[in-house]
């Protein structure tokens, strides 16, 4: 696979996702960092997005509910390089009916080299990183070269 370097801007586009049992934890985390999050573009799956808007006052673009396709909408934004990082408070102790969608979302985050926090500790590390409020160069797959090689 060929790669290219792109630069994410200082204003990050952040996906916020949480399983049902983790939504309250994500609300608490967002409240803790509301001043930092306010400066960035925020996306969330449906129920989580509505809850975060109501509880934190953050400006959030809410997509549809995760099990109804919201996870795939976030995945599409990742592939279009419209998401720079993802905070996904997932519940490791409960089976999810849309588990294949969740795995696909995490796979896309890995393919497109975006940072992912899956719990409060990793989210704390990301948001307090010196890179959080700065531009950042990273490598992503260069599918234009890949496609050209196949034709």
N, C-alpha and C. Protein backbone atom coordinates (compact mmCIF):
# COMPACT_ATOMS: atom_id res chain seq x y z
N UNK A 1 0.84 -1.18 0.00
CA UNK A 1 0.00 0.00 0.00
C UNK A 1 0.89 1.24 0.00
N UNK A 2 0.51 2.20 -0.81
CA UNK A 2 1.18 3.49 -0.84
C UNK A 2 0.51 4.42 0.17
N UNK A 3 1.28 5.32 0.73
CA UNK A 3 0.74 6.27 1.70
C UNK A 3 1.08 7.69 1.26
N UNK A 4 0.29 8.62 1.76
CA UNK A 4 0.56 10.03 1.56
C UNK A 4 0.44 10.73 2.90
N UNK A 5 1.02 11.88 3.01
CA UNK A 5 0.96 12.65 4.25
C UNK A 5 -0.10 13.73 4.10
N UNK A 6 -0.96 13.81 5.09
CA UNK A 6 -1.93 14.89 5.12
C UNK A 6 -1.79 15.61 6.46
N UNK A 7 -2.34 16.80 6.53
CA UNK A 7 -2.27 17.57 7.75
C UNK A 7 -3.68 17.82 8.27
N UNK A 8 -3.91 17.40 9.49
CA UNK A 8 -5.19 17.73 10.13
C UNK A 8 -5.02 19.12 10.74
N UNK A 9 -6.08 19.91 10.67
CA UNK A 9 -5.99 21.28 11.15
C UNK A 9 -5.98 21.34 12.67
N UNK A 10 -5.70 22.52 13.19
CA UNK A 10 -5.74 22.71 14.63
C UNK A 10 -7.16 22.52 15.16
N UNK A 11 -8.14 22.90 14.34
CA UNK A 11 -9.54 22.64 14.71
C UNK A 11 -9.86 21.22 14.27
N UNK A 12 -10.00 20.35 15.22
CA UNK A 12 -10.24 18.94 14.93
C UNK A 12 -11.72 18.67 14.67
N UNK A 13 -11.97 17.64 13.89
CA UNK A 13 -13.30 17.10 13.68
C UNK A 13 -13.35 15.80 14.47
N UNK A 14 -14.17 15.78 15.49
CA UNK A 14 -14.14 14.70 16.48
C UNK A 14 -15.47 13.95 16.50
N UNK A 15 -15.39 12.63 16.38
CA UNK A 15 -16.58 11.78 16.49
C UNK A 15 -16.72 11.34 17.95
N UNK A 16 -17.92 11.47 18.48
CA UNK A 16 -18.23 11.06 19.85
C UNK A 16 -19.29 9.97 19.79
N UNK A 17 -18.95 8.80 20.32
CA UNK A 17 -19.83 7.64 20.24
C UNK A 17 -19.83 6.95 21.60
N UNK A 18 -20.98 6.41 22.00
CA UNK A 18 -21.04 5.67 23.27
C UNK A 18 -22.15 4.63 23.22
N UNK A 19 -21.84 3.45 23.71
CA UNK A 19 -22.88 2.44 23.90
C UNK A 19 -23.80 2.89 25.03
N UNK A 20 -24.98 2.30 25.09
CA UNK A 20 -26.00 2.75 26.05
C UNK A 20 -25.48 2.83 27.48
N UNK A 21 -24.80 1.80 27.95
CA UNK A 21 -24.32 1.78 29.33
C UNK A 21 -23.17 2.76 29.58
N UNK A 22 -22.65 3.39 28.52
CA UNK A 22 -21.50 4.27 28.65
C UNK A 22 -21.84 5.74 28.35
N UNK A 23 -23.08 6.01 27.97
CA UNK A 23 -23.47 7.37 27.60
C UNK A 23 -23.28 8.36 28.75
N UNK A 24 -23.66 7.96 29.95
CA UNK A 24 -23.50 8.85 31.11
C UNK A 24 -22.04 9.18 31.35
N UNK A 25 -21.16 8.20 31.16
CA UNK A 25 -19.72 8.43 31.33
C UNK A 25 -19.20 9.42 30.29
N UNK A 26 -19.69 9.31 29.06
CA UNK A 26 -19.26 10.24 28.01
C UNK A 26 -19.77 11.65 28.31
N UNK A 27 -20.98 11.78 28.84
CA UNK A 27 -21.50 13.09 29.23
C UNK A 27 -20.60 13.71 30.29
N UNK A 28 -20.24 12.95 31.31
CA UNK A 28 -19.37 13.46 32.38
C UNK A 28 -18.03 13.88 31.79
N UNK A 29 -17.47 13.08 30.90
CA UNK A 29 -16.18 13.40 30.28
C UNK A 29 -16.27 14.68 29.46
N UNK A 30 -17.33 14.82 28.68
CA UNK A 30 -17.51 16.03 27.86
C UNK A 30 -17.69 17.27 28.72
N UNK A 31 -18.41 17.13 29.82
CA UNK A 31 -18.57 18.27 30.73
C UNK A 31 -17.22 18.69 31.31
N UNK A 32 -16.40 17.72 31.62
CA UNK A 32 -15.08 18.00 32.18
C UNK A 32 -14.23 18.79 31.19
N UNK A 33 -14.37 18.51 29.89
CA UNK A 33 -13.54 19.13 28.87
C UNK A 33 -14.33 20.04 27.93
N UNK A 34 -15.46 20.55 28.39
CA UNK A 34 -16.32 21.35 27.51
C UNK A 34 -15.57 22.55 26.92
N UNK A 35 -14.69 23.18 27.70
CA UNK A 35 -13.96 24.34 27.18
C UNK A 35 -13.04 23.96 26.02
N UNK A 36 -12.42 22.81 26.08
CA UNK A 36 -11.55 22.36 24.98
C UNK A 36 -12.38 21.88 23.79
N UNK A 37 -13.46 21.17 24.04
CA UNK A 37 -14.27 20.62 22.96
C UNK A 37 -15.00 21.71 22.17
N UNK A 38 -15.34 22.82 22.81
CA UNK A 38 -16.06 23.90 22.16
C UNK A 38 -15.34 24.42 20.93
N UNK A 39 -14.03 24.34 20.91
CA UNK A 39 -13.22 24.88 19.81
C UNK A 39 -13.14 23.95 18.61
N UNK A 40 -13.80 22.81 18.66
CA UNK A 40 -13.67 21.80 17.61
C UNK A 40 -15.03 21.44 17.04
N UNK A 41 -15.04 20.82 15.86
CA UNK A 41 -16.28 20.35 15.23
C UNK A 41 -16.59 18.96 15.76
N UNK A 42 -17.78 18.79 16.28
CA UNK A 42 -18.15 17.54 16.94
C UNK A 42 -19.28 16.84 16.20
N UNK A 43 -19.13 15.53 16.05
CA UNK A 43 -20.13 14.67 15.42
C UNK A 43 -20.46 13.56 16.42
N UNK A 44 -21.69 13.11 16.40
CA UNK A 44 -22.06 12.01 17.29
C UNK A 44 -23.19 11.22 16.66
N UNK A 45 -23.28 9.96 17.06
CA UNK A 45 -24.42 9.17 16.65
C UNK A 45 -25.66 9.71 17.36
N UNK A 46 -26.83 9.39 16.85
CA UNK A 46 -28.09 10.02 17.22
C UNK A 46 -28.40 10.25 18.68
N UNK A 47 -28.64 9.19 19.42
CA UNK A 47 -29.03 9.33 20.82
C UNK A 47 -27.92 9.99 21.63
N UNK A 48 -26.70 9.59 21.37
CA UNK A 48 -25.56 10.17 22.09
C UNK A 48 -25.46 11.66 21.78
N UNK A 49 -25.62 12.03 20.51
CA UNK A 49 -25.53 13.43 20.12
C UNK A 49 -26.59 14.28 20.80
N UNK A 50 -27.82 13.80 20.82
CA UNK A 50 -28.91 14.55 21.47
C UNK A 50 -28.65 14.70 22.96
N UNK A 51 -28.22 13.63 23.58
CA UNK A 51 -27.93 13.66 25.01
C UNK A 51 -26.80 14.65 25.31
N UNK A 52 -25.73 14.60 24.53
CA UNK A 52 -24.60 15.51 24.75
C UNK A 52 -24.99 16.96 24.54
N UNK A 53 -25.77 17.24 23.50
CA UNK A 53 -26.24 18.61 23.27
C UNK A 53 -27.02 19.12 24.47
N UNK A 54 -27.96 18.31 24.94
CA UNK A 54 -28.83 18.72 26.04
C UNK A 54 -28.09 18.86 27.36
N UNK A 55 -27.14 17.98 27.61
CA UNK A 55 -26.46 17.96 28.91
C UNK A 55 -25.24 18.89 28.98
N UNK A 56 -24.63 19.19 27.83
CA UNK A 56 -23.38 19.97 27.86
C UNK A 56 -23.48 21.32 27.16
N UNK A 57 -24.48 21.47 26.30
CA UNK A 57 -24.59 22.71 25.53
C UNK A 57 -23.63 22.78 24.36
N UNK A 58 -22.88 21.71 24.11
CA UNK A 58 -21.93 21.70 22.99
C UNK A 58 -22.68 21.68 21.67
N UNK A 59 -22.07 22.30 20.65
CA UNK A 59 -22.62 22.28 19.30
C UNK A 59 -22.19 20.97 18.64
N UNK A 60 -23.14 20.07 18.44
CA UNK A 60 -22.82 18.74 17.93
C UNK A 60 -23.69 18.44 16.72
N UNK A 61 -23.06 17.94 15.67
CA UNK A 61 -23.81 17.44 14.52
C UNK A 61 -24.21 16.02 14.84
N UNK A 62 -25.51 15.82 15.06
CA UNK A 62 -26.02 14.50 15.42
C UNK A 62 -26.43 13.75 14.16
N UNK A 63 -25.91 12.55 14.01
CA UNK A 63 -26.26 11.67 12.90
C UNK A 63 -27.40 10.77 13.37
N UNK A 64 -27.67 9.68 12.67
CA UNK A 64 -28.72 8.79 13.14
C UNK A 64 -28.16 7.84 14.21
N UNK A 65 -29.04 7.14 14.86
CA UNK A 65 -28.65 6.21 15.92
C UNK A 65 -27.66 5.17 15.39
N UNK A 66 -26.70 4.80 16.22
CA UNK A 66 -25.67 3.83 15.83
C UNK A 66 -26.21 2.56 15.21
N UNK A 67 -27.13 1.84 15.88
CA UNK A 67 -27.64 0.59 15.33
C UNK A 67 -28.43 0.76 14.03
N UNK A 68 -28.89 1.99 13.78
CA UNK A 68 -29.66 2.25 12.56
C UNK A 68 -28.79 2.76 11.41
N UNK A 69 -27.48 2.84 11.65
CA UNK A 69 -26.58 3.27 10.58
C UNK A 69 -25.66 4.41 10.96
N UNK A 70 -25.81 4.96 12.16
CA UNK A 70 -24.97 6.06 12.59
C UNK A 70 -23.49 5.70 12.66
N UNK A 71 -23.21 4.46 13.07
CA UNK A 71 -21.80 4.00 13.09
C UNK A 71 -21.23 4.04 11.68
N UNK A 72 -22.04 3.64 10.72
CA UNK A 72 -21.58 3.64 9.33
C UNK A 72 -21.45 5.06 8.80
N UNK A 73 -22.30 5.98 9.25
CA UNK A 73 -22.14 7.37 8.85
C UNK A 73 -20.81 7.93 9.37
N UNK A 74 -20.49 7.62 10.62
CA UNK A 74 -19.19 8.05 11.17
C UNK A 74 -18.07 7.42 10.36
N UNK A 75 -18.21 6.14 10.03
CA UNK A 75 -17.20 5.46 9.22
C UNK A 75 -17.01 6.13 7.88
N UNK A 76 -18.10 6.53 7.25
CA UNK A 76 -18.00 7.22 5.96
C UNK A 76 -17.26 8.54 6.11
N UNK A 77 -17.54 9.28 7.19
CA UNK A 77 -16.82 10.53 7.44
C UNK A 77 -15.32 10.28 7.63
N UNK A 78 -14.99 9.17 8.27
CA UNK A 78 -13.58 8.82 8.46
C UNK A 78 -12.92 8.57 7.10
N UNK A 79 -13.58 7.80 6.25
CA UNK A 79 -12.98 7.47 4.94
C UNK A 79 -12.86 8.71 4.06
N UNK A 80 -13.73 9.68 4.27
CA UNK A 80 -13.65 10.94 3.51
C UNK A 80 -12.68 11.92 4.16
N UNK A 81 -12.01 11.48 5.22
CA UNK A 81 -11.05 12.28 5.97
C UNK A 81 -11.69 13.53 6.55
N UNK A 82 -12.94 13.37 7.00
CA UNK A 82 -13.67 14.46 7.65
C UNK A 82 -13.76 14.27 9.15
N UNK A 83 -13.09 13.25 9.67
CA UNK A 83 -12.98 13.01 11.11
C UNK A 83 -11.51 12.82 11.43
N UNK A 84 -11.02 13.59 12.40
CA UNK A 84 -9.60 13.55 12.78
C UNK A 84 -9.33 12.63 13.96
N UNK A 85 -10.33 12.41 14.79
CA UNK A 85 -10.18 11.52 15.94
C UNK A 85 -11.55 11.07 16.41
N UNK A 86 -11.55 9.98 17.17
CA UNK A 86 -12.82 9.45 17.66
C UNK A 86 -12.69 9.09 19.14
N UNK A 87 -13.70 9.50 19.89
CA UNK A 87 -13.84 9.09 21.28
C UNK A 87 -15.06 8.16 21.31
N UNK A 88 -14.79 6.90 21.58
CA UNK A 88 -15.84 5.87 21.52
C UNK A 88 -15.84 5.12 22.84
N UNK A 89 -16.73 5.51 23.73
CA UNK A 89 -16.85 4.82 25.00
C UNK A 89 -17.72 3.58 24.76
N UNK A 90 -17.06 2.47 24.50
CA UNK A 90 -17.80 1.23 24.22
C UNK A 90 -17.85 0.37 25.47
N UNK A 91 -18.87 -0.44 25.50
CA UNK A 91 -19.13 -1.30 26.66
C UNK A 91 -18.55 -2.68 26.40
N UNK A 92 -17.41 -3.02 27.01
CA UNK A 92 -16.79 -4.31 26.75
C UNK A 92 -17.47 -5.48 27.44
N UNK A 93 -18.43 -5.19 28.31
CA UNK A 93 -19.06 -6.25 29.09
C UNK A 93 -20.44 -6.66 28.59
N UNK A 94 -20.93 -5.99 27.55
CA UNK A 94 -22.26 -6.31 27.06
C UNK A 94 -22.22 -6.53 25.56
N UNK A 95 -22.83 -7.62 25.12
CA UNK A 95 -22.91 -7.89 23.69
C UNK A 95 -23.78 -6.83 23.02
N UNK A 96 -23.35 -6.40 21.85
CA UNK A 96 -24.08 -5.38 21.12
C UNK A 96 -24.70 -6.00 19.87
N UNK A 97 -25.98 -5.74 19.61
CA UNK A 97 -26.61 -6.33 18.43
C UNK A 97 -25.98 -5.84 17.12
N UNK A 98 -25.36 -4.67 17.16
CA UNK A 98 -24.73 -4.13 15.94
C UNK A 98 -23.20 -4.22 16.04
N UNK A 99 -22.72 -5.28 16.70
CA UNK A 99 -21.28 -5.47 16.90
C UNK A 99 -20.48 -5.46 15.58
N UNK A 100 -20.98 -6.05 14.50
CA UNK A 100 -20.22 -5.97 13.24
C UNK A 100 -20.01 -4.52 12.77
N UNK A 101 -21.00 -3.65 13.00
CA UNK A 101 -20.85 -2.24 12.64
C UNK A 101 -19.78 -1.57 13.49
N UNK A 102 -19.75 -1.91 14.77
CA UNK A 102 -18.77 -1.35 15.69
C UNK A 102 -17.36 -1.78 15.26
N UNK A 103 -17.19 -3.05 14.96
CA UNK A 103 -15.88 -3.55 14.52
C UNK A 103 -15.46 -2.89 13.22
N UNK A 104 -16.40 -2.70 12.31
CA UNK A 104 -16.09 -2.03 11.04
C UNK A 104 -15.65 -0.59 11.29
N UNK A 105 -16.31 0.08 12.21
CA UNK A 105 -15.95 1.46 12.54
C UNK A 105 -14.54 1.54 13.11
N UNK A 106 -14.23 0.64 14.02
CA UNK A 106 -12.88 0.62 14.60
C UNK A 106 -11.82 0.25 13.55
N UNK A 107 -12.17 -0.65 12.63
CA UNK A 107 -11.25 -1.01 11.55
C UNK A 107 -10.98 0.20 10.67
N UNK A 108 -12.00 0.95 10.32
CA UNK A 108 -11.80 2.14 9.48
C UNK A 108 -10.93 3.17 10.17
N UNK A 109 -11.12 3.33 11.47
CA UNK A 109 -10.27 4.26 12.22
C UNK A 109 -8.80 3.83 12.14
N UNK A 110 -8.55 2.53 12.20
CA UNK A 110 -7.18 2.03 12.08
C UNK A 110 -6.64 2.21 10.66
N UNK A 111 -7.46 1.89 9.66
CA UNK A 111 -7.03 2.03 8.26
C UNK A 111 -6.65 3.47 7.95
N UNK A 112 -7.47 4.42 8.42
CA UNK A 112 -7.25 5.83 8.10
C UNK A 112 -6.40 6.54 9.15
N UNK A 113 -5.81 5.79 10.07
CA UNK A 113 -4.81 6.30 10.99
C UNK A 113 -5.32 7.47 11.83
N UNK A 114 -6.53 7.32 12.39
CA UNK A 114 -7.00 8.37 13.30
C UNK A 114 -6.91 7.86 14.73
N UNK A 115 -6.58 8.73 15.66
CA UNK A 115 -6.53 8.32 17.05
C UNK A 115 -7.93 7.98 17.57
N UNK A 116 -7.99 6.93 18.39
CA UNK A 116 -9.25 6.47 18.96
C UNK A 116 -9.07 6.28 20.46
N UNK A 117 -9.99 6.85 21.21
CA UNK A 117 -10.03 6.60 22.66
C UNK A 117 -11.25 5.72 22.91
N UNK A 118 -11.05 4.63 23.63
CA UNK A 118 -12.17 3.73 23.88
C UNK A 118 -12.62 3.71 25.34
N UNK A 119 -12.01 4.58 26.14
CA UNK A 119 -12.41 4.70 27.54
C UNK A 119 -11.95 6.06 28.06
N UNK A 120 -12.30 6.38 29.30
CA UNK A 120 -11.99 7.69 29.85
C UNK A 120 -10.48 7.95 29.91
N UNK A 121 -9.70 6.97 30.30
CA UNK A 121 -8.26 7.18 30.43
C UNK A 121 -7.63 7.53 29.09
N UNK A 122 -7.96 6.76 28.05
CA UNK A 122 -7.37 7.06 26.74
C UNK A 122 -7.90 8.39 26.19
N UNK A 123 -9.17 8.71 26.47
CA UNK A 123 -9.72 10.00 26.04
C UNK A 123 -9.01 11.16 26.76
N UNK A 124 -8.71 10.98 28.05
CA UNK A 124 -7.96 12.01 28.79
C UNK A 124 -6.59 12.23 28.16
N UNK A 125 -5.92 11.15 27.78
CA UNK A 125 -4.61 11.27 27.16
C UNK A 125 -4.69 12.04 25.84
N UNK A 126 -5.70 11.73 25.02
CA UNK A 126 -5.82 12.41 23.74
C UNK A 126 -6.11 13.89 23.90
N UNK A 127 -7.07 14.22 24.73
CA UNK A 127 -7.49 15.62 24.82
C UNK A 127 -6.46 16.50 25.52
N UNK A 128 -5.61 15.90 26.33
CA UNK A 128 -4.56 16.68 27.00
C UNK A 128 -3.23 16.64 26.26
N UNK A 129 -3.20 15.95 25.13
CA UNK A 129 -1.98 15.90 24.32
C UNK A 129 -1.66 17.28 23.76
N UNK A 130 -0.39 17.58 23.61
CA UNK A 130 0.01 18.86 23.01
C UNK A 130 -0.44 18.94 21.55
N UNK A 131 -0.72 17.81 20.92
CA UNK A 131 -1.17 17.80 19.52
C UNK A 131 -2.66 18.09 19.36
N UNK A 132 -3.41 18.06 20.46
CA UNK A 132 -4.86 18.18 20.36
C UNK A 132 -5.29 19.50 19.72
N UNK A 133 -4.66 20.59 20.08
CA UNK A 133 -5.05 21.91 19.57
C UNK A 133 -4.11 22.45 18.51
N UNK A 134 -3.34 21.58 17.88
CA UNK A 134 -2.42 22.00 16.82
C UNK A 134 -2.66 21.19 15.56
N UNK A 135 -2.13 21.69 14.46
CA UNK A 135 -2.17 20.87 13.25
C UNK A 135 -1.24 19.68 13.45
N UNK A 136 -1.49 18.63 12.69
CA UNK A 136 -0.76 17.38 12.89
C UNK A 136 -0.62 16.67 11.55
N UNK A 137 0.59 16.29 11.20
CA UNK A 137 0.82 15.54 9.97
C UNK A 137 0.75 14.05 10.26
N UNK A 138 0.06 13.33 9.36
CA UNK A 138 -0.05 11.88 9.53
C UNK A 138 -0.09 11.22 8.17
N UNK A 139 0.20 9.93 8.15
CA UNK A 139 0.15 9.14 6.91
C UNK A 139 -1.21 8.48 6.79
N UNK A 140 -1.75 8.51 5.57
CA UNK A 140 -3.01 7.82 5.27
C UNK A 140 -2.82 7.06 3.97
N UNK A 141 -3.62 6.03 3.75
CA UNK A 141 -3.51 5.29 2.49
C UNK A 141 -3.74 6.21 1.29
N UNK A 142 -2.93 6.02 0.27
CA UNK A 142 -3.09 6.78 -0.97
C UNK A 142 -3.81 5.88 -1.96
N UNK A 143 -5.12 5.90 -1.94
CA UNK A 143 -5.90 5.02 -2.78
C UNK A 143 -5.88 5.44 -4.23
N UNK A 144 -5.56 6.69 -4.53
CA UNK A 144 -5.44 7.11 -5.92
C UNK A 144 -4.32 6.32 -6.59
N UNK A 145 -3.18 6.21 -5.93
CA UNK A 145 -2.06 5.42 -6.47
C UNK A 145 -2.44 3.94 -6.53
N UNK A 146 -3.11 3.46 -5.51
CA UNK A 146 -3.53 2.06 -5.45
C UNK A 146 -4.44 1.73 -6.64
N UNK A 147 -5.43 2.58 -6.86
CA UNK A 147 -6.38 2.36 -7.96
C UNK A 147 -5.66 2.46 -9.30
N UNK A 148 -4.77 3.41 -9.45
CA UNK A 148 -4.03 3.57 -10.71
C UNK A 148 -3.20 2.34 -11.02
N UNK A 149 -2.65 1.71 -10.00
CA UNK A 149 -1.83 0.51 -10.20
C UNK A 149 -2.68 -0.68 -10.65
N UNK A 150 -3.95 -0.68 -10.31
CA UNK A 150 -4.84 -1.81 -10.61
C UNK A 150 -5.49 -1.70 -12.00
N UNK A 151 -5.40 -0.52 -12.64
CA UNK A 151 -6.08 -0.37 -13.93
C UNK A 151 -5.13 -0.51 -15.09
